[in-house]
């Protein structure tokens, strides 16, 4: 699984420039990354969430992640993991992707609130609070 994790980390870094986000979408990276969110290896899931967070800064990629790739359920399950790096990656990805379809993440608001109140890691608490606000926001 190390090769897959390494590939996801490379994608994370390569997709930082804005033009690379649309290239990643055109190449099918959003679907592939979202499939990796359900992988059996925790470090692969974390790397997939990190890559999705970067790619989904692009509006079209956000929509692809919530429409076709169905990333909500795996991301919401990741926030219950005990590893704070996994929680943080999932929360950051939720915060980024939820803007395209907040309803898909509404079921996870209680889990985000629980992280806000009880997470040991301060960074996880702050990002969980922000993610819950993004999901709850109404125009």
Protein backbone atom coordinates (compact mmCIF):
# COMPACT_ATOMS: atom_id res chain seq x y z
CA UNK A 1 0.00 0.00 0.00
CA UNK A 2 3.03 2.27 0.30
CA UNK A 3 3.05 2.88 -3.46
CA UNK A 4 -0.60 3.95 -3.45
CA UNK A 5 -0.06 6.22 -0.46
CA UNK A 6 3.00 7.75 -2.16
CA UNK A 7 1.01 8.31 -5.36
CA UNK A 8 -1.74 10.10 -3.43
CA UNK A 9 0.82 12.29 -1.67
CA UNK A 10 2.37 13.20 -5.03
CA UNK A 11 -1.08 14.07 -6.37
CA UNK A 12 -1.64 16.25 -3.31
CA UNK A 13 1.50 18.25 -4.08
CA UNK A 14 1.03 18.35 -7.84
CA UNK A 15 -2.54 19.65 -7.56
CA UNK A 16 -1.66 22.69 -5.44
CA UNK A 17 -1.42 25.12 -8.41
CA UNK A 18 -4.91 26.05 -9.57
CA UNK A 19 -4.53 24.91 -13.23
CA UNK A 20 -3.52 21.46 -11.98
CA UNK A 21 -6.88 21.00 -10.25
CA UNK A 22 -8.79 21.02 -13.53
CA UNK A 23 -6.21 18.70 -15.11
CA UNK A 24 -6.65 16.29 -12.19
CA UNK A 25 -10.42 16.39 -12.70
CA UNK A 26 -10.10 15.78 -16.47
CA UNK A 27 -7.83 12.80 -15.80
CA UNK A 28 -10.35 11.16 -13.46
CA UNK A 29 -8.38 11.80 -10.29
CA UNK A 30 -11.44 12.81 -8.25
CA UNK A 31 -13.15 9.45 -8.77
CA UNK A 32 -9.93 7.54 -8.10
CA UNK A 33 -9.16 9.53 -4.96
CA UNK A 34 -12.71 9.10 -3.65
CA UNK A 35 -12.44 5.33 -4.11
CA UNK A 36 -9.26 5.39 -2.02
CA UNK A 37 -11.21 6.98 0.86
CA UNK A 38 -12.65 3.50 1.50
CA UNK A 39 -9.33 1.65 1.26
CA UNK A 40 -8.45 -0.84 3.99
CA UNK A 41 -5.23 0.95 4.91
CA UNK A 42 -5.68 3.96 7.17
CA UNK A 43 -2.67 5.86 5.80
CA UNK A 44 -4.04 5.49 2.25
CA UNK A 45 -7.40 6.89 3.39
CA UNK A 46 -5.64 9.84 5.07
CA UNK A 47 -3.59 10.58 1.95
CA UNK A 48 -6.73 10.34 -0.20
CA UNK A 49 -8.54 12.86 2.00
CA UNK A 50 -5.55 15.22 1.80
CA UNK A 51 -5.43 14.92 -2.00
CA UNK A 52 -9.18 15.47 -2.27
CA UNK A 53 -8.94 18.58 -0.10
CA UNK A 54 -6.42 20.12 -2.51
CA UNK A 55 -8.11 19.05 -5.74
CA UNK A 56 -11.57 20.08 -4.56
CA UNK A 57 -10.61 23.71 -4.12
CA UNK A 58 -11.81 23.84 -7.75
CA UNK A 59 -15.62 24.19 -8.03
CA UNK A 60 -15.98 21.50 -10.71
CA UNK A 61 -13.95 19.06 -8.60
CA UNK A 62 -16.13 19.72 -5.54
CA UNK A 63 -19.20 18.88 -7.61
CA UNK A 64 -17.57 15.74 -9.01
CA UNK A 65 -16.67 14.58 -5.52
CA UNK A 66 -20.19 14.89 -4.14
CA UNK A 67 -22.17 14.06 -7.28
CA UNK A 68 -20.51 11.15 -9.00
CA UNK A 69 -17.83 9.93 -6.65
CA UNK A 70 -19.90 9.95 -3.45
CA UNK A 71 -17.16 10.87 -1.01
CA UNK A 72 -19.41 11.91 1.90
CA UNK A 73 -19.88 8.55 3.63
CA UNK A 74 -16.20 7.56 3.69
CA UNK A 75 -15.12 11.03 4.86
CA UNK A 76 -17.71 11.01 7.64
CA UNK A 77 -16.57 7.57 8.78
CA UNK A 78 -12.95 8.77 8.87
CA UNK A 79 -13.70 11.43 11.47
CA UNK A 80 -14.47 8.66 13.97
CA UNK A 81 -10.95 7.21 13.69
CA UNK A 82 -8.70 7.57 16.73
CA UNK A 83 -5.74 8.90 14.70
CA UNK A 84 -5.83 12.71 14.81
CA UNK A 85 -4.02 13.04 11.46
CA UNK A 86 -6.80 11.01 9.81
CA UNK A 87 -9.47 13.06 11.58
CA UNK A 88 -7.82 16.31 10.49
CA UNK A 89 -7.49 15.23 6.85
CA UNK A 90 -11.14 14.12 6.75
CA UNK A 91 -12.42 17.29 8.42
CA UNK A 92 -10.45 19.50 6.05
CA UNK A 93 -11.74 17.58 3.04
CA UNK A 94 -15.31 17.84 4.35
CA UNK A 95 -14.87 21.58 4.82
CA UNK A 96 -13.72 21.92 1.21
CA UNK A 97 -16.13 19.53 -0.52
CA UNK A 98 -19.30 20.27 1.49
CA UNK A 99 -19.69 23.65 -0.18
CA UNK A 100 -20.96 21.81 -3.27
CA UNK A 101 -23.65 19.83 -1.44
CA UNK A 102 -24.09 20.51 2.27
CA UNK A 103 -27.03 18.12 2.62
CA UNK A 104 -24.77 15.13 1.97
CA UNK A 105 -22.81 15.99 5.10
CA UNK A 106 -25.67 17.00 7.43
CA UNK A 107 -25.75 13.55 9.02
CA UNK A 108 -22.16 14.09 10.13
CA UNK A 109 -22.79 17.34 12.01
CA UNK A 110 -23.22 15.54 15.37
CA UNK A 111 -19.86 13.81 14.81
CA UNK A 112 -18.24 17.14 13.90
CA UNK A 113 -19.76 18.70 17.03
CA UNK A 114 -18.41 15.81 19.10
CA UNK A 115 -14.93 16.38 17.65
CA UNK A 116 -15.25 20.11 18.36
CA UNK A 117 -16.02 19.36 22.00
CA UNK A 118 -13.84 16.33 22.68
CA UNK A 119 -10.92 15.96 20.25
CA UNK A 120 -7.56 15.86 21.98
CA UNK A 121 -5.86 17.73 19.16
CA UNK A 122 -6.56 21.49 19.12
CA UNK A 123 -6.18 21.67 15.33
CA UNK A 124 -8.78 18.93 14.87
CA UNK A 125 -11.16 20.76 17.23
CA UNK A 126 -10.83 24.07 15.36
CA UNK A 127 -11.23 22.52 11.92
CA UNK A 128 -14.18 20.38 13.05
CA UNK A 129 -15.90 23.52 14.30
CA UNK A 130 -15.29 25.26 10.95
CA UNK A 131 -16.47 22.23 8.99
CA UNK A 132 -19.70 22.08 11.01
CA UNK A 133 -20.28 25.78 10.24
CA UNK A 134 -19.73 25.15 6.51
CA UNK A 135 -22.17 22.25 6.53
CA UNK A 136 -24.80 24.18 8.54
CA UNK A 137 -24.51 27.39 6.51
CA UNK A 138 -27.66 28.44 4.70
CA UNK A 139 -27.77 31.11 1.98
